[in-house]
Amino acid sequence: MSACIAVVVPCHRVRAHVAGVLAAIGPEVETIYCVDDACPDASGDYIESLGDPRVRVLRHATNQGVGGAVITGYRQAIADGADVIVKLDGDGQMDPALLPGFVAPVLAGECDYAKGNRFWDLEQIGEMPLVRRIGNLCLSFLSKASTGYWDVFDPTNGYTAIHARVAAHLPFDRVSKRYFFESDLLFRLNTIRAVVADVPMDARYRDEVSGLSVTRAAGEFLFRHARNFCKRIAYNYFLRDLSLASLELVAAAGLLAFALCFGGWHWLHSIRYHATAPVGTIMVATVAVVSGLQFLLAFLGSDIASVPRRPLGPALAARASHAPGRAQGDSRDA
């Protein structure tokens, strides 16, 4: 039996491009869920007038953001029995012809979640606006640390495909509903140890206008990444397991904190009384710093090596064939 592939298209001010996007989606897709996120241009009515029998329009009474729209589509696709769910924007930036390349690794059991990477081809990077290029580089590093997926890049890329059984285990009620959606979803995927893979793709930019404020997003993203990093470390290294990496992190934190307090106090004392610190005092602080950094690097090495490698999708699908699965996101884990 062939796999049931569904596409979710969040719709908010995309009327100029959405018809072309829908027309370009291939026949391998069984259902297309277009989520009218309280669009002021009445995108839902316009899409229904196009007459594509695969399209099902879902409507929000109030705007919930791109994440909220995608989650609504995910939930409906899971309830309708989809096997793989692709998220595709309606503004024309994502080429629907690439869709099979995102679905294939999920169906093959190579990963649970496939996402686009616009940085794969170095020649194509130059086509990306400079601000976006720099922003994505910074966000990619923050995302690696907060999500634990050190081997993926371009975390804000919204061209994705997810195994429906894996999606059904995500805590949708806790996932960020707006611009942090893609990054927060990666964090939630790590909490259930899902396998994530990058899919090379080219960037396409048209006349769309982003509603994202760079200055506002920078502070918000930094805070959210820091919060998710702390939660991930607590979940993976202290609540669910206690490994050598956990002890390395404790040792690193203790030594570096000691070096900061001990060295800082003696440094201020030297400045205040115009006295030279004893060599022994300097050596104690130095050894603590060096040792703390060594433990920290050892912990990072362990963390990078612990990226999930065994996909959940095949096992969940096999289990579901013997027992009814849940149709909604599971909010137990994070």
C-alpha atoms as a PDB file:
ATOM      1  CA  MET A   1       0.000   0.000   0.000  1.00  0.00           C
ATOM      2  CA  SER A   2       1.368   3.414  -0.951  1.00  0.00           C
ATOM      3  CA  ALA A   3       2.098   5.975   1.745  1.00  0.00           C
ATOM      4  CA  CYS A   4      -0.374   8.759   2.426  1.00  0.00           C
ATOM      5  CA  ILE A   5       1.427  12.083   2.014  1.00  0.00           C
ATOM      6  CA  ALA A   6      -0.175  15.289   3.263  1.00  0.00           C
ATOM      7  CA  VAL A   7       0.939  18.884   2.864  1.00  0.00           C
ATOM      8  CA  VAL A   8       0.242  21.700   5.319  1.00  0.00           C
ATOM      9  CA  VAL A   9       0.282  25.247   3.938  1.00  0.00           C
ATOM     10  CA  PRO A  10      -0.049  28.091   6.483  1.00  0.00           C
ATOM     11  CA  CYS A  11      -1.818  30.969   4.768  1.00  0.00           C
ATOM     12  CA  HIS A  12      -1.506  34.590   5.845  1.00  0.00           C
ATOM     13  CA  ARG A  13      -1.103  37.298   3.191  1.00  0.00           C
ATOM     14  CA  VAL A  14      -0.005  34.792   0.555  1.00  0.00           C
ATOM     15  CA  ARG A  15      -2.811  35.320  -1.961  1.00  0.00           C
ATOM     16  CA  ALA A  16      -0.411  36.566  -4.645  1.00  0.00           C
ATOM     17  CA  HIS A  17       1.564  33.288  -4.730  1.00  0.00           C
ATOM     18  CA  VAL A  18      -0.490  30.499  -3.182  1.00  0.00           C
ATOM     19  CA  ALA A  19      -2.286  29.465  -6.395  1.00  0.00           C
ATOM     20  CA  GLY A  20       1.019  28.785  -8.124  1.00  0.00           C
ATOM     21  CA  VAL A  21       2.296  26.862  -5.112  1.00  0.00           C
ATOM     22  CA  LEU A  22      -0.759  24.604  -4.972  1.00  0.00           C
ATOM     23  CA  ALA A  23      -0.705  23.992  -8.733  1.00  0.00           C
ATOM     24  CA  ALA A  24       2.938  22.887  -8.547  1.00  0.00           C
ATOM     25  CA  ILE A  25       2.341  20.236  -5.855  1.00  0.00           C
ATOM     26  CA  GLY A  26       2.646  16.836  -7.521  1.00  0.00           C
ATOM     27  CA  PRO A  27       0.119  13.991  -7.665  1.00  0.00           C
ATOM     28  CA  GLU A  28       2.016  12.023  -4.999  1.00  0.00           C
ATOM     29  CA  VAL A  29       0.306  14.250  -2.411  1.00  0.00           C
ATOM     30  CA  GLU A  30      -3.095  12.992  -1.325  1.00  0.00           C
ATOM     31  CA  THR A  31      -4.349  15.913   0.779  1.00  0.00           C
ATOM     32  CA  ILE A  32      -3.360  19.565   1.090  1.00  0.00           C
ATOM     33  CA  TYR A  33      -4.393  21.370   4.281  1.00  0.00           C
ATOM     34  CA  CYS A  34      -4.438  25.129   3.754  1.00  0.00           C
ATOM     35  CA  VAL A  35      -4.770  26.889   7.089  1.00  0.00           C
ATOM     36  CA  ASP A  36      -6.313  30.346   6.792  1.00  0.00           C
ATOM     37  CA  ASP A  37      -4.717  31.995   9.823  1.00  0.00           C
ATOM     38  CA  ALA A  38      -7.289  34.796  10.082  1.00  0.00           C
ATOM     39  CA  CYS A  39      -5.889  36.142   6.813  1.00  0.00           C
ATOM     40  CA  PRO A  40      -7.132  39.692   6.038  1.00  0.00           C
ATOM     41  CA  ASP A  41      -7.036  38.805   2.316  1.00  0.00           C
ATOM     42  CA  ALA A  42      -9.499  35.931   2.783  1.00  0.00           C
ATOM     43  CA  SER A  43      -6.984  33.390   1.529  1.00  0.00           C
ATOM     44  CA  GLY A  44      -9.229  30.489   2.505  1.00  0.00           C
ATOM     45  CA  ASP A  45     -12.112  31.632   0.293  1.00  0.00           C
ATOM     46  CA  TYR A  46      -9.738  32.278  -2.586  1.00  0.00           C
ATOM     47  CA  ILE A  47      -8.115  28.853  -2.281  1.00  0.00           C
ATOM     48  CA  GLU A  48     -11.505  27.115  -2.223  1.00  0.00           C
ATOM     49  CA  SER A  49     -12.423  28.916  -5.441  1.00  0.00           C
ATOM     50  CA  LEU A  50      -9.436  27.319  -7.196  1.00  0.00           C
ATOM     51  CA  GLY A  51     -11.221  23.970  -7.189  1.00  0.00           C
ATOM     52  CA  ASP A  52      -8.349  21.590  -6.350  1.00  0.00           C
ATOM     53  CA  PRO A  53     -10.105  18.460  -4.971  1.00  0.00           C
ATOM     54  CA  ARG A  54      -7.095  17.647  -2.772  1.00  0.00           C
ATOM     55  CA  VAL A  55      -7.347  20.924  -0.885  1.00  0.00           C
ATOM     56  CA  ARG A  56      -9.034  21.189   2.477  1.00  0.00           C
ATOM     57  CA  VAL A  57      -9.245  24.657   4.025  1.00  0.00           C
ATOM     58  CA  LEU A  58      -8.965  25.002   7.807  1.00  0.00           C
ATOM     59  CA  ARG A  59      -9.727  28.363   9.393  1.00  0.00           C
ATOM     60  CA  HIS A  60      -8.589  30.222  12.507  1.00  0.00           C
ATOM     61  CA  ALA A  61     -10.908  32.817  14.013  1.00  0.00           C
ATOM     62  CA  THR A  62      -7.866  34.708  15.332  1.00  0.00           C
ATOM     63  CA  ASN A  63      -4.311  34.838  14.062  1.00  0.00           C
ATOM     64  CA  GLN A  64      -2.126  32.238  15.809  1.00  0.00           C
ATOM     65  CA  GLY A  65       1.111  32.680  13.866  1.00  0.00           C
ATOM     66  CA  VAL A  66       2.830  30.301  11.491  1.00  0.00           C
ATOM     67  CA  GLY A  67       3.417  27.740  14.240  1.00  0.00           C
ATOM     68  CA  GLY A  68      -0.213  27.741  15.278  1.00  0.00           C
ATOM     69  CA  ALA A  69      -1.301  27.281  11.662  1.00  0.00           C
ATOM     70  CA  VAL A  70       1.119  24.390  11.090  1.00  0.00           C
ATOM     71  CA  ILE A  71       0.051  22.667  14.307  1.00  0.00           C
ATOM     72  CA  THR A  72      -3.592  22.879  13.246  1.00  0.00           C
ATOM     73  CA  GLY A  73      -2.647  21.255   9.948  1.00  0.00           C
ATOM     74  CA  TYR A  74      -0.534  18.600  11.689  1.00  0.00           C
ATOM     75  CA  ARG A  75      -3.345  17.647  14.025  1.00  0.00           C
ATOM     76  CA  GLN A  76      -5.849  17.288  11.208  1.00  0.00           C
ATOM     77  CA  ALA A  77      -3.448  15.291   9.030  1.00  0.00           C
ATOM     78  CA  ILE A  78      -2.690  12.927  11.935  1.00  0.00           C
ATOM     79  CA  ALA A  79      -6.398  12.462  12.617  1.00  0.00           C
ATOM     80  CA  ASP A  80      -6.999  11.703   8.926  1.00  0.00           C
ATOM     81  CA  GLY A  81      -4.342   8.974   8.891  1.00  0.00           C
ATOM     82  CA  ALA A  82      -1.453  10.624   7.020  1.00  0.00           C
ATOM     83  CA  ASP A  83       1.904   8.832   7.021  1.00  0.00           C
ATOM     84  CA  VAL A  84       4.162  11.791   6.215  1.00  0.00           C
ATOM     85  CA  ILE A  85       3.300  15.469   6.641  1.00  0.00           C
ATOM     86  CA  VAL A  86       5.133  18.132   4.649  1.00  0.00           C
ATOM     87  CA  LYS A  87       5.067  21.776   5.645  1.00  0.00           C
ATOM     88  CA  LEU A  88       5.232  24.119   2.662  1.00  0.00           C
ATOM     89  CA  ASP A  89       4.903  27.910   2.773  1.00  0.00           C
ATOM     90  CA  GLY A  90       2.424  29.577   0.469  1.00  0.00           C
ATOM     91  CA  ASP A  91       4.599  32.571  -0.469  1.00  0.00           C
ATOM     92  CA  GLY A  92       6.448  30.860  -3.306  1.00  0.00           C
ATOM     93  CA  GLN A  93       9.864  30.663  -1.619  1.00  0.00           C
ATOM     94  CA  MET A  94       9.767  26.846  -1.444  1.00  0.00           C
ATOM     95  CA  ASP A  95       9.795  24.836  -4.657  1.00  0.00           C
ATOM     96  CA  PRO A  96       7.102  22.105  -4.517  1.00  0.00           C
ATOM     97  CA  ALA A  97       9.161  20.069  -6.994  1.00  0.00           C
ATOM     98  CA  LEU A  98      11.603  19.327  -4.130  1.00  0.00           C
ATOM     99  CA  LEU A  99       8.893  17.659  -2.062  1.00  0.00           C
ATOM    100  CA  PRO A 100       9.781  14.039  -2.973  1.00  0.00           C
ATOM    101  CA  GLY A 101      13.320  14.653  -1.734  1.00  0.00           C
ATOM    102  CA  PHE A 102      11.979  15.568   1.700  1.00  0.00           C
ATOM    103  CA  VAL A 103       9.530  12.665   1.899  1.00  0.00           C
ATOM    104  CA  ALA A 104      11.933   9.957   0.691  1.00  0.00           C
ATOM    105  CA  PRO A 105      14.277   9.789   3.748  1.00  0.00           C
ATOM    106  CA  VAL A 106      11.287   9.725   6.102  1.00  0.00           C
ATOM    107  CA  LEU A 107       9.576   6.898   4.229  1.00  0.00           C
ATOM    108  CA  ALA A 108      12.874   5.022   3.950  1.00  0.00           C
ATOM    109  CA  GLY A 109      13.257   5.061   7.729  1.00  0.00           C
ATOM    110  CA  GLU A 110      16.435   7.141   7.574  1.00  0.00           C
ATOM    111  CA  CYS A 111      15.020   9.961   9.716  1.00  0.00           C
ATOM    112  CA  ASP A 112      11.880  11.117  11.485  1.00  0.00           C
ATOM    113  CA  TYR A 113      12.079  14.758  10.429  1.00  0.00           C
ATOM    114  CA  ALA A 114      13.644  16.140   7.253  1.00  0.00           C
ATOM    115  CA  LYS A 115      14.308  19.865   6.950  1.00  0.00           C
ATOM    116  CA  GLY A 116      15.727  22.099   4.258  1.00  0.00           C
ATOM    117  CA  ASN A 117      19.253  23.498   4.323  1.00  0.00           C
ATOM    118  CA  ARG A 118      19.850  26.540   2.111  1.00  0.00           C
ATOM    119  CA  PHE A 119      23.544  26.632   3.034  1.00  0.00           C
ATOM    120  CA  TRP A 120      24.448  23.296   1.449  1.00  0.00           C
ATOM    121  CA  ASP A 121      25.586  24.739  -1.898  1.00  0.00           C
ATOM    122  CA  LEU A 122      28.166  27.480  -1.301  1.00  0.00           C
ATOM    123  CA  GLU A 123      27.450  29.034  -4.703  1.00  0.00           C
ATOM    124  CA  GLN A 124      23.819  29.573  -3.753  1.00  0.00           C
ATOM    125  CA  ILE A 125      24.573  31.288  -0.459  1.00  0.00           C
ATOM    126  CA  GLY A 126      25.439  34.507  -2.277  1.00  0.00           C
ATOM    127  CA  GLU A 127      21.831  34.800  -3.472  1.00  0.00           C
ATOM    128  CA  MET A 128      20.614  35.062   0.120  1.00  0.00           C
ATOM    129  CA  PRO A 129      20.259  38.633   1.461  1.00  0.00           C
ATOM    130  CA  LEU A 130      23.223  39.532   3.685  1.00  0.00           C
ATOM    131  CA  VAL A 131      21.085  40.189   6.775  1.00  0.00           C
ATOM    132  CA  ARG A 132      19.432  36.788   6.480  1.00  0.00           C
ATOM    133  CA  ARG A 133      22.784  35.124   5.865  1.00  0.00           C
ATOM    134  CA  ILE A 134      24.345  36.546   9.020  1.00  0.00           C
ATOM    135  CA  GLY A 135      21.195  35.980  11.045  1.00  0.00           C
ATOM    136  CA  ASN A 136      20.958  32.336   9.992  1.00  0.00           C
ATOM    137  CA  LEU A 137      24.602  31.703  10.838  1.00  0.00           C
ATOM    138  CA  CYS A 138      24.113  33.063  14.359  1.00  0.00           C
ATOM    139  CA  LEU A 139      20.786  31.307  14.854  1.00  0.00           C
ATOM    140  CA  SER A 140      22.228  28.029  13.599  1.00  0.00           C
ATOM    141  CA  PHE A 141      24.889  28.027  16.290  1.00  0.00           C
ATOM    142  CA  LEU A 142      22.377  28.896  19.012  1.00  0.00           C
ATOM    143  CA  SER A 143      20.014  26.237  17.718  1.00  0.00           C
ATOM    144  CA  LYS A 144      22.711  23.553  17.726  1.00  0.00           C
ATOM    145  CA  ALA A 145      23.317  24.194  21.417  1.00  0.00           C
ATOM    146  CA  SER A 146      19.676  24.502  22.472  1.00  0.00           C
ATOM    147  CA  THR A 147      18.279  21.588  20.454  1.00  0.00           C
ATOM    148  CA  GLY A 148      21.189  19.143  20.637  1.00  0.00           C
ATOM    149  CA  TYR A 149      21.166  18.577  16.867  1.00  0.00           C
ATOM    150  CA  TRP A 150      24.780  19.566  16.240  1.00  0.00           C
ATOM    151  CA  ASP A 151      24.794  18.076  12.735  1.00  0.00           C
ATOM    152  CA  VAL A 152      21.968  20.149  11.219  1.00  0.00           C
ATOM    153  CA  PHE A 153      22.034  23.714   9.925  1.00  0.00           C
ATOM    154  CA  ASP A 154      19.625  26.465   8.880  1.00  0.00           C
ATOM    155  CA  PRO A 155      17.228  25.928  11.827  1.00  0.00           C
ATOM    156  CA  THR A 156      14.666  28.529  10.704  1.00  0.00           C
ATOM    157  CA  ASN A 157      14.101  26.767   7.380  1.00  0.00           C
ATOM    158  CA  GLY A 158      10.399  25.962   7.209  1.00  0.00           C
ATOM    159  CA  TYR A 159      10.486  23.407   4.389  1.00  0.00           C
ATOM    160  CA  THR A 160      10.053  20.199   6.391  1.00  0.00           C
ATOM    161  CA  ALA A 161       8.635  16.684   6.346  1.00  0.00           C
ATOM    162  CA  ILE A 162       7.767  14.703   9.477  1.00  0.00           C
ATOM    163  CA  HIS A 163       6.665  11.149  10.158  1.00  0.00           C
ATOM    164  CA  ALA A 164       3.062  11.411  11.335  1.00  0.00           C
ATOM    165  CA  ARG A 165       3.550   8.877  14.138  1.00  0.00           C
ATOM    166  CA  VAL A 166       6.412  10.947  15.505  1.00  0.00           C
ATOM    167  CA  ALA A 167       4.406  14.159  15.171  1.00  0.00           C
ATOM    168  CA  ALA A 168       1.615  12.545  17.211  1.00  0.00           C
ATOM    169  CA  HIS A 169       4.013  12.266  20.174  1.00  0.00           C
ATOM    170  CA  LEU A 170       4.997  15.949  20.173  1.00  0.00           C
ATOM    171  CA  PRO A 171       3.638  18.299  22.888  1.00  0.00           C
ATOM    172  CA  PHE A 172       1.863  20.659  20.498  1.00  0.00           C
ATOM    173  CA  ASP A 173       0.325  22.687  23.327  1.00  0.00           C
ATOM    174  CA  ARG A 174       3.828  23.710  24.440  1.00  0.00           C
ATOM    175  CA  VAL A 175       5.461  24.422  21.084  1.00  0.00           C
ATOM    176  CA  SER A 176       6.021  28.089  20.250  1.00  0.00           C
ATOM    177  CA  LYS A 177       3.302  29.291  17.882  1.00  0.00           C
ATOM    178  CA  ARG A 178       5.081  32.135  16.118  1.00  0.00           C
ATOM    179  CA  TYR A 179       8.484  32.803  14.551  1.00  0.00           C
ATOM    180  CA  PHE A 180      10.359  30.555  16.989  1.00  0.00           C
ATOM    181  CA  PHE A 181       8.254  27.577  15.862  1.00  0.00           C
ATOM    182  CA  GLU A 182      10.873  25.752  13.747  1.00  0.00           C
ATOM    183  CA  SER A 183      13.612  26.055  16.381  1.00  0.00           C
ATOM    184  CA  ASP A 184      11.308  25.092  19.239  1.00  0.00           C
ATOM    185  CA  LEU A 185      10.024  22.095  17.292  1.00  0.00           C
ATOM    186  CA  LEU A 186      13.609  20.839  16.935  1.00  0.00           C
ATOM    187  CA  PHE A 187      14.037  21.098  20.704  1.00  0.00           C
ATOM    188  CA  ARG A 188      10.819  19.124  21.250  1.00  0.00           C
ATOM    189  CA  LEU A 189      11.957  16.492  18.749  1.00  0.00           C
ATOM    190  CA  ASN A 190      15.170  16.024  20.730  1.00  0.00           C
ATOM    191  CA  THR A 191      13.215  15.404  23.932  1.00  0.00           C
ATOM    192  CA  ILE A 192      11.674  12.313  22.294  1.00  0.00           C
ATOM    193  CA  ARG A 193      15.018  11.381  20.638  1.00  0.00           C
ATOM    194  CA  ALA A 194      13.768  11.762  17.061  1.00  0.00           C
ATOM    195  CA  VAL A 195      16.272  11.662  14.185  1.00  0.00           C
ATOM    196  CA  VAL A 196      16.589  14.852  12.128  1.00  0.00           C
ATOM    197  CA  ALA A 197      18.260  15.155   8.715  1.00  0.00           C
ATOM    198  CA  ASP A 198      19.108  18.088   6.436  1.00  0.00           C
ATOM    199  CA  VAL A 199      17.921  18.136   2.821  1.00  0.00           C
ATOM    200  CA  PRO A 200      19.913  20.379   0.421  1.00  0.00           C
ATOM    201  CA  MET A 201      17.829  23.053  -1.293  1.00  0.00           C
ATOM    202  CA  ASP A 202      18.212  26.394  -3.024  1.00  0.00           C
ATOM    203  CA  ALA A 203      16.783  29.606  -1.607  1.00  0.00           C
ATOM    204  CA  ARG A 204      14.175  31.507  -3.614  1.00  0.00           C
ATOM    205  CA  TYR A 205      13.236  35.098  -2.789  1.00  0.00           C
ATOM    206  CA  ARG A 206      10.358  37.004  -4.283  1.00  0.00           C
ATOM    207  CA  ASP A 207       8.431  40.127  -3.354  1.00  0.00           C
ATOM    208  CA  GLU A 208       7.135  38.831  -0.024  1.00  0.00           C
ATOM    209  CA  VAL A 209       7.369  41.108   3.012  1.00  0.00           C
ATOM    210  CA  SER A 210       8.388  39.593   6.311  1.00  0.00           C
ATOM    211  CA  GLY A 211       6.577  40.697   9.455  1.00  0.00           C
ATOM    212  CA  LEU A 212       9.510  39.726  11.651  1.00  0.00           C
ATOM    213  CA  SER A 213      11.318  42.538  13.480  1.00  0.00           C
ATOM    214  CA  VAL A 214      15.027  41.675  13.531  1.00  0.00           C
ATOM    215  CA  THR A 215      15.794  43.645  16.712  1.00  0.00           C
ATOM    216  CA  ARG A 216      12.823  42.231  18.587  1.00  0.00           C
ATOM    217  CA  ALA A 217      13.449  38.688  17.378  1.00  0.00           C
ATOM    218  CA  ALA A 218      17.142  38.786  18.347  1.00  0.00           C
ATOM    219  CA  GLY A 219      16.401  39.267  22.042  1.00  0.00           C
ATOM    220  CA  GLU A 220      13.447  36.890  22.049  1.00  0.00           C
ATOM    221  CA  PHE A 221      15.323  34.131  20.200  1.00  0.00           C
ATOM    222  CA  LEU A 222      18.370  34.478  22.476  1.00  0.00           C
ATOM    223  CA  PHE A 223      16.204  34.103  25.579  1.00  0.00           C
ATOM    224  CA  ARG A 224      14.253  31.146  24.179  1.00  0.00           C
ATOM    225  CA  HIS A 225      17.384  29.338  23.005  1.00  0.00           C
ATOM    226  CA  ALA A 226      18.989  29.812  26.427  1.00  0.00           C
ATOM    227  CA  ARG A 227      15.857  28.498  28.129  1.00  0.00           C
ATOM    228  CA  ASN A 228      15.656  25.459  25.854  1.00  0.00           C
ATOM    229  CA  PHE A 229      19.365  24.743  26.345  1.00  0.00           C
ATOM    230  CA  CYS A 230      18.949  24.655  30.117  1.00  0.00           C
ATOM    231  CA  LYS A 231      15.844  22.481  29.856  1.00  0.00           C
ATOM    232  CA  ARG A 232      17.529  20.072  27.446  1.00  0.00           C
ATOM    233  CA  ILE A 233      20.559  19.666  29.687  1.00  0.00           C
ATOM    234  CA  ALA A 234      18.347  19.097  32.723  1.00  0.00           C
ATOM    235  CA  TYR A 235      16.154  16.559  30.885  1.00  0.00           C
ATOM    236  CA  ASN A 236      18.889  14.561  29.167  1.00  0.00           C
ATOM    237  CA  TYR A 237      21.689  14.611  31.748  1.00  0.00           C
ATOM    238  CA  PHE A 238      20.022  14.788  35.151  1.00  0.00           C
ATOM    239  CA  LEU A 239      16.360  13.718  34.967  1.00  0.00           C
ATOM    240  CA  ARG A 240      16.401  10.895  32.415  1.00  0.00           C
ATOM    241  CA  ASP A 241      19.979   9.735  32.812  1.00  0.00           C
ATOM    242  CA  LEU A 242      23.111  10.321  34.850  1.00  0.00           C
ATOM    243  CA  SER A 243      26.192   9.626  32.768  1.00  0.00           C
ATOM    244  CA  LEU A 244      29.872  10.502  32.671  1.00  0.00           C
ATOM    245  CA  ALA A 245      28.924  13.598  30.665  1.00  0.00           C
ATOM    246  CA  SER A 246      26.705  14.723  33.569  1.00  0.00           C
ATOM    247  CA  LEU A 247      29.664  14.534  35.960  1.00  0.00           C
ATOM    248  CA  GLU A 248      31.891  16.358  33.451  1.00  0.00           C
ATOM    249  CA  LEU A 249      29.376  19.204  33.274  1.00  0.00           C
ATOM    250  CA  VAL A 250      29.127  19.444  37.073  1.00  0.00           C
ATOM    251  CA  ALA A 251      32.924  19.480  37.365  1.00  0.00           C
ATOM    252  CA  ALA A 252      33.225  22.140  34.650  1.00  0.00           C
ATOM    253  CA  ALA A 253      30.603  24.371  36.257  1.00  0.00           C
ATOM    254  CA  GLY A 254      32.121  23.979  39.738  1.00  0.00           C
ATOM    255  CA  LEU A 255      35.708  24.660  38.661  1.00  0.00           C
ATOM    256  CA  LEU A 256      34.855  27.639  36.472  1.00  0.00           C
ATOM    257  CA  ALA A 257      32.615  29.129  39.161  1.00  0.00           C
ATOM    258  CA  PHE A 258      35.370  28.681  41.727  1.00  0.00           C
ATOM    259  CA  ALA A 259      37.946  30.254  39.396  1.00  0.00           C
ATOM    260  CA  LEU A 260      35.675  33.224  38.762  1.00  0.00           C
ATOM    261  CA  CYS A 261      34.919  33.852  42.434  1.00  0.00           C
ATOM    262  CA  PHE A 262      38.368  33.046  43.838  1.00  0.00           C
ATOM    263  CA  GLY A 263      40.324  34.780  41.087  1.00  0.00           C
ATOM    264  CA  GLY A 264      37.952  37.732  40.913  1.00  0.00           C
ATOM    265  CA  TRP A 265      38.094  38.338  44.673  1.00  0.00           C
ATOM    266  CA  HIS A 266      41.892  38.270  44.754  1.00  0.00           C
ATOM    267  CA  TRP A 267      42.089  40.476  41.665  1.00  0.00           C
ATOM    268  CA  LEU A 268      39.853  43.105  43.290  1.00  0.00           C
ATOM    269  CA  HIS A 269      41.866  42.774  46.515  1.00  0.00           C
ATOM    270  CA  SER A 270      45.090  43.447  44.596  1.00  0.00           C
ATOM    271  CA  ILE A 271      43.602  46.525  42.921  1.00  0.00           C
ATOM    272  CA  ARG A 272      42.208  47.886  46.176  1.00  0.00           C
ATOM    273  CA  TYR A 273      45.407  47.522  48.200  1.00  0.00           C
ATOM    274  CA  HIS A 274      47.898  47.909  45.340  1.00  0.00           C
ATOM    275  CA  ALA A 275      49.382  44.532  46.218  1.00  0.00           C
ATOM    276  CA  THR A 276      50.684  41.834  43.921  1.00  0.00           C
ATOM    277  CA  ALA A 277      48.865  38.528  44.220  1.00  0.00           C
ATOM    278  CA  PRO A 278      51.075  35.592  45.336  1.00  0.00           C
ATOM    279  CA  VAL A 279      52.151  33.167  42.625  1.00  0.00           C
ATOM    280  CA  GLY A 280      50.325  30.364  44.410  1.00  0.00           C
ATOM    281  CA  THR A 281      47.050  32.286  44.289  1.00  0.00           C
ATOM    282  CA  ILE A 282      47.448  32.933  40.575  1.00  0.00           C
ATOM    283  CA  MET A 283      48.243  29.275  39.927  1.00  0.00           C
ATOM    284  CA  VAL A 284      45.177  28.054  41.837  1.00  0.00           C
ATOM    285  CA  ALA A 285      42.895  30.242  39.715  1.00  0.00           C
ATOM    286  CA  THR A 286      44.698  29.284  36.489  1.00  0.00           C
ATOM    287  CA  VAL A 287      44.553  25.560  37.162  1.00  0.00           C
ATOM    288  CA  ALA A 288      40.846  25.832  38.002  1.00  0.00           C
ATOM    289  CA  VAL A 289      40.148  27.657  34.714  1.00  0.00           C
ATOM    290  CA  VAL A 290      42.150  25.237  32.590  1.00  0.00           C
ATOM    291  CA  SER A 291      40.657  22.183  34.278  1.00  0.00           C
ATOM    292  CA  GLY A 292      37.140  23.608  34.017  1.00  0.00           C
ATOM    293  CA  LEU A 293      37.584  24.261  30.287  1.00  0.00           C
ATOM    294  CA  GLN A 294      38.886  20.724  29.753  1.00  0.00           C
ATOM    295  CA  PHE A 295      35.861  19.238  31.496  1.00  0.00           C
ATOM    296  CA  LEU A 296      33.579  21.548  29.479  1.00  0.00           C
ATOM    297  CA  LEU A 297      35.142  20.464  26.183  1.00  0.00           C
ATOM    298  CA  ALA A 298      34.805  16.819  27.226  1.00  0.00           C
ATOM    299  CA  PHE A 299      31.114  17.393  27.968  1.00  0.00           C
ATOM    300  CA  LEU A 300      30.561  19.098  24.592  1.00  0.00           C
ATOM    301  CA  GLY A 301      32.240  16.176  22.860  1.00  0.00           C
ATOM    302  CA  SER A 302      29.877  13.767  24.592  1.00  0.00           C
ATOM    303  CA  ASP A 303      26.871  15.945  23.799  1.00  0.00           C
ATOM    304  CA  ILE A 304      27.756  16.174  20.115  1.00  0.00           C
ATOM    305  CA  ALA A 305      28.257  12.402  19.957  1.00  0.00           C
ATOM    306  CA  SER A 306      24.825  11.793  21.526  1.00  0.00           C
ATOM    307  CA  VAL A 307      22.803  13.194  18.594  1.00  0.00           C
ATOM    308  CA  PRO A 308      19.869  10.772  18.013  1.00  0.00           C
ATOM    309  CA  ARG A 309      20.714   8.182  15.336  1.00  0.00           C
ATOM    310  CA  ARG A 310      17.911   5.613  15.536  1.00  0.00           C
ATOM    311  CA  PRO A 311      14.648   6.770  13.888  1.00  0.00           C
ATOM    312  CA  LEU A 312      11.444   6.391  15.886  1.00  0.00           C
ATOM    313  CA  GLY A 313       9.023   6.358  12.959  1.00  0.00           C
ATOM    314  CA  PRO A 314       9.342   2.708  11.855  1.00  0.00           C
ATOM    315  CA  ALA A 315       8.989   1.383  15.410  1.00  0.00           C
ATOM    316  CA  LEU A 316       5.999   3.627  16.157  1.00  0.00           C
ATOM    317  CA  ALA A 317       4.320   2.629  12.896  1.00  0.00           C
ATOM    318  CA  ALA A 318       4.842  -1.054  13.680  1.00  0.00           C
ATOM    319  CA  ARG A 319       3.431  -0.613  17.170  1.00  0.00           C
ATOM    320  CA  ALA A 320       0.439   1.305  15.811  1.00  0.00           C
ATOM    321  CA  SER A 321      -0.388  -1.597  13.485  1.00  0.00           C
ATOM    322  CA  HIS A 322      -1.044  -3.721  16.575  1.00  0.00           C
ATOM    323  CA  ALA A 323      -2.653  -1.117  18.819  1.00  0.00           C
ATOM    324  CA  PRO A 324      -4.584   2.131  18.228  1.00  0.00           C
ATOM    325  CA  GLY A 325      -2.336   5.209  18.327  1.00  0.00           C
ATOM    326  CA  ARG A 326      -3.055   8.635  19.650  1.00  0.00           C
ATOM    327  CA  ALA A 327      -4.325  11.196  17.192  1.00  0.00           C
ATOM    328  CA  GLN A 328      -3.173  14.255  19.032  1.00  0.00           C
ATOM    329  CA  GLY A 329       0.156  15.563  20.292  1.00  0.00           C
ATOM    330  CA  ASP A 330       1.348  14.026  23.549  1.00  0.00           C
ATOM    331  CA  SER A 331       2.236  16.715  26.059  1.00  0.00           C
ATOM    332  CA  ARG A 332       4.007  14.493  28.586  1.00  0.00           C
ATOM    333  CA  ASP A 333       7.637  15.041  27.691  1.00  0.00           C
ATOM    334  CA  ALA A 334       8.478  18.708  27.725  1.00  0.00           C
END
